[in-house]
Amino acid sequence: MSIDVANESGVTTVDEERLSRLARHVLDAMRVHPLAELSVVLVDEEPMAELHVRWMDEPGPTDVLSFPMDELRPGAPGRVSEPGVLGDVVICPQVARRQAEKAGHAVEAEIDLLCVHGILHLLGYDHAEPEEHKEMFGLQAEILAAWREHEAAAPQEDGEDR
C-alpha cells in the first residue's frame, strides 16, 4: 500500500509518520487493496481556501477536502477492494487547531478525525442525508476507537508504551 503524507503547511508539530500509520489502519479496516495508493497533504489556510472556493464554491478555508481518483469502494466482508489510486485527502492544520480548541480536545485528535473522515469520503461515504450521516459518523467513531486502542497497545520505538 502506498501512502504518501506531505506536510506543505507551516505547522511543524504534525507527526507525518503517525498520520501515515493511521491512514494504513483506516485502509486495512475498510479492506482496501494493499496495492491501493493514497495521498494525504497538509496545507495552510490560503491554499485550502483556494481549493474550497474552486471545488466547493464556498469561501474561506475548510478543515478537510477529499479528491477521489479511481472511485474505489471498501471490500466486502472477507474480501479486499480492487487495487487503484484512492485519491487525495487535504487537511488544514490551522483550521483543525481552532476546531480542537472549540471541541476541547488535542489538535492531534482533530487531525486524526479529519484524516479518517477524508478517507471515508474517498471510499464513497457521505453525510448529506440523516441515514448517511449516522452510518459515516458511526463508522468514523469505530475506526478512531480501534486506532486509539491500537496505538495505546503498540510499543514506542524507544521501548516505552504509547
Protein backbone atom coordinates (compact mmCIF):
# COMPACT_ATOMS: atom_id res chain seq x y z
CA MET A 1 0.00 0.00 0.00
CA SER A 2 1.40 3.36 -0.96
CA ILE A 3 0.52 6.17 1.43
CA ASP A 4 2.23 9.49 0.88
CA VAL A 5 1.96 12.16 3.56
CA ALA A 6 3.21 15.61 2.60
CA ASN A 7 3.26 18.47 5.06
CA GLU A 8 3.13 21.60 2.92
CA SER A 9 1.77 23.67 5.81
CA GLY A 10 3.83 25.82 8.12
CA VAL A 11 2.81 23.58 11.03
CA THR A 12 5.80 21.54 12.18
CA THR A 13 4.11 19.69 15.05
CA VAL A 14 2.22 17.23 12.82
CA ASP A 15 3.62 13.71 13.09
CA GLU A 16 3.58 12.59 9.45
CA GLU A 17 4.68 9.04 10.25
CA ARG A 18 1.83 8.66 12.73
CA LEU A 19 -0.63 10.07 10.18
CA SER A 20 0.61 7.50 7.67
CA ARG A 21 0.06 4.70 10.21
CA LEU A 22 -3.46 5.99 10.86
CA ALA A 23 -4.24 6.07 7.13
CA ARG A 24 -2.98 2.49 6.80
CA HIS A 25 -5.15 1.49 9.76
CA VAL A 26 -8.22 3.01 8.07
CA LEU A 27 -7.49 1.34 4.73
CA ASP A 28 -6.95 -2.01 6.44
CA ALA A 29 -10.18 -1.63 8.43
CA MET A 30 -12.06 -0.84 5.22
CA ARG A 31 -10.49 -3.77 3.38
CA VAL A 32 -8.85 -1.60 0.74
CA HIS A 33 -6.50 -3.49 -1.57
CA PRO A 34 -2.86 -3.49 -0.39
CA LEU A 35 -1.73 -2.02 -3.72
CA ALA A 36 -4.04 0.99 -3.46
CA GLU A 37 -2.46 4.45 -3.37
CA LEU A 38 -3.41 7.34 -1.11
CA SER A 39 -2.06 10.84 -0.63
CA VAL A 40 -2.55 12.95 2.50
CA VAL A 41 -1.50 16.58 2.15
CA LEU A 42 -1.42 19.21 4.89
CA VAL A 43 -1.75 22.79 3.66
CA ASP A 44 -2.01 26.28 5.11
CA GLU A 45 -5.22 28.28 5.18
CA GLU A 46 -4.66 30.23 1.95
CA PRO A 47 -4.24 27.22 -0.35
CA MET A 48 -7.10 25.46 1.47
CA ALA A 49 -9.34 28.49 0.92
CA GLU A 50 -8.44 28.44 -2.78
CA LEU A 51 -9.32 24.75 -3.04
CA HIS A 52 -12.54 25.30 -1.10
CA VAL A 53 -13.68 28.05 -3.47
CA ARG A 54 -12.57 26.19 -6.60
CA TRP A 55 -14.11 22.81 -5.81
CA MET A 56 -16.96 23.56 -3.37
CA ASP A 57 -17.75 27.15 -4.37
CA GLU A 58 -17.59 28.14 -0.71
CA PRO A 59 -15.44 30.93 0.74
CA GLY A 60 -12.67 30.58 3.31
CA PRO A 61 -10.57 27.65 4.41
CA THR A 62 -12.18 24.41 5.49
CA ASP A 63 -10.82 21.59 7.63
CA VAL A 64 -10.60 18.72 5.12
CA LEU A 65 -11.28 18.09 1.44
CA SER A 66 -11.23 14.77 -0.39
CA PHE A 67 -10.46 14.26 -4.06
CA PRO A 68 -11.27 10.70 -5.18
CA MET A 69 -9.49 9.25 -8.20
CA ASP A 70 -10.47 5.69 -9.14
CA GLU A 71 -13.71 5.61 -7.10
CA LEU A 72 -12.56 2.62 -5.07
CA ARG A 73 -15.01 1.21 -2.56
CA PRO A 74 -14.42 -0.81 0.61
CA GLY A 75 -14.01 -4.53 0.18
CA ALA A 76 -16.87 -6.83 1.09
CA PRO A 77 -16.50 -8.78 4.34
CA GLY A 78 -13.70 -11.27 3.88
CA ARG A 79 -12.57 -9.63 0.61
CA VAL A 80 -10.44 -6.64 -0.32
CA SER A 81 -11.27 -3.98 -2.87
CA GLU A 82 -9.68 -3.68 -6.28
CA PRO A 83 -6.25 -2.02 -6.47
CA GLY A 84 -6.05 1.56 -7.72
CA VAL A 85 -5.50 5.17 -6.77
CA LEU A 86 -7.82 6.08 -3.92
CA GLY A 87 -7.14 9.82 -4.16
CA ASP A 88 -6.06 12.77 -2.05
CA VAL A 89 -7.08 13.96 1.40
CA VAL A 90 -6.16 17.60 2.05
CA ILE A 91 -6.14 18.78 5.68
CA CYS A 92 -5.63 22.28 7.06
CA PRO A 93 -3.92 22.05 10.48
CA GLN A 94 -4.73 25.66 11.39
CA VAL A 95 -8.47 25.05 10.97
CA ALA A 96 -8.05 21.74 12.82
CA ARG A 97 -6.40 23.61 15.72
CA ARG A 98 -9.34 26.01 16.07
CA GLN A 99 -11.84 23.14 15.92
CA ALA A 100 -9.87 21.16 18.53
CA GLU A 101 -9.84 24.13 20.89
CA LYS A 102 -13.59 24.58 20.45
CA ALA A 103 -14.23 20.85 20.99
CA GLY A 104 -11.87 20.68 23.98
CA HIS A 105 -9.53 18.02 22.69
CA ALA A 106 -5.99 17.80 21.31
CA VAL A 107 -5.10 19.04 17.83
CA GLU A 108 -3.68 15.58 17.07
CA ALA A 109 -7.09 14.04 17.81
CA GLU A 110 -8.78 16.53 15.47
CA ILE A 111 -6.32 15.81 12.67
CA ASP A 112 -6.86 12.07 13.23
CA LEU A 113 -10.62 12.60 12.91
CA LEU A 114 -10.19 14.66 9.73
CA CYS A 115 -7.90 12.06 8.18
CA VAL A 116 -10.40 9.26 8.82
CA HIS A 117 -13.27 11.46 7.66
CA GLY A 118 -11.45 12.34 4.43
CA ILE A 119 -10.59 8.73 3.65
CA LEU A 120 -14.20 7.66 4.21
CA HIS A 121 -15.28 10.31 1.70
CA LEU A 122 -12.77 8.86 -0.79
CA LEU A 123 -14.44 5.49 -0.26
CA GLY A 124 -17.84 6.89 -1.19
CA TYR A 125 -19.27 7.71 2.23
CA ASP A 126 -21.21 10.94 2.66
CA HIS A 127 -23.26 12.66 5.33
CA ALA A 128 -25.75 14.80 3.43
CA GLU A 129 -28.76 12.71 4.50
CA PRO A 130 -29.54 11.66 8.11
CA GLU A 131 -29.01 7.93 7.43
CA GLU A 132 -25.74 8.61 5.59
CA HIS A 133 -24.61 10.83 8.45
CA LYS A 134 -25.40 8.14 11.01
CA GLU A 135 -23.54 5.47 9.02
CA MET A 136 -20.48 7.58 8.23
CA PHE A 137 -20.02 9.10 11.67
CA GLY A 138 -20.65 5.76 13.36
CA LEU A 139 -18.00 4.10 11.22
CA GLN A 140 -15.64 7.01 11.80
CA ALA A 141 -16.07 6.65 15.58
CA GLU A 142 -15.46 2.87 15.41
CA ILE A 143 -12.29 3.30 13.36
CA LEU A 144 -10.95 6.04 15.64
CA ALA A 145 -11.67 3.98 18.77
CA ALA A 146 -9.86 0.97 17.28
CA TRP A 147 -6.97 3.25 16.26
CA ARG A 148 -6.60 4.69 19.77
CA GLU A 149 -6.67 1.20 21.24
CA HIS A 150 -4.07 0.01 18.73
CA GLU A 151 -1.79 2.98 19.39
CA ALA A 152 -2.11 2.61 23.16
CA ALA A 153 -1.08 -1.05 22.91
CA ALA A 154 1.80 -0.53 20.48
CA PRO A 155 5.30 -0.07 21.97
CA GLN A 156 7.13 3.11 21.04
CA GLU A 157 10.46 2.93 19.23
CA ASP A 158 12.31 3.65 22.48
CA GLY A 159 10.57 0.70 24.17
CA GLU A 160 8.05 2.73 26.17
CA ASP A 161 4.30 2.35 25.82
CA ARG A 162 2.41 4.97 23.81
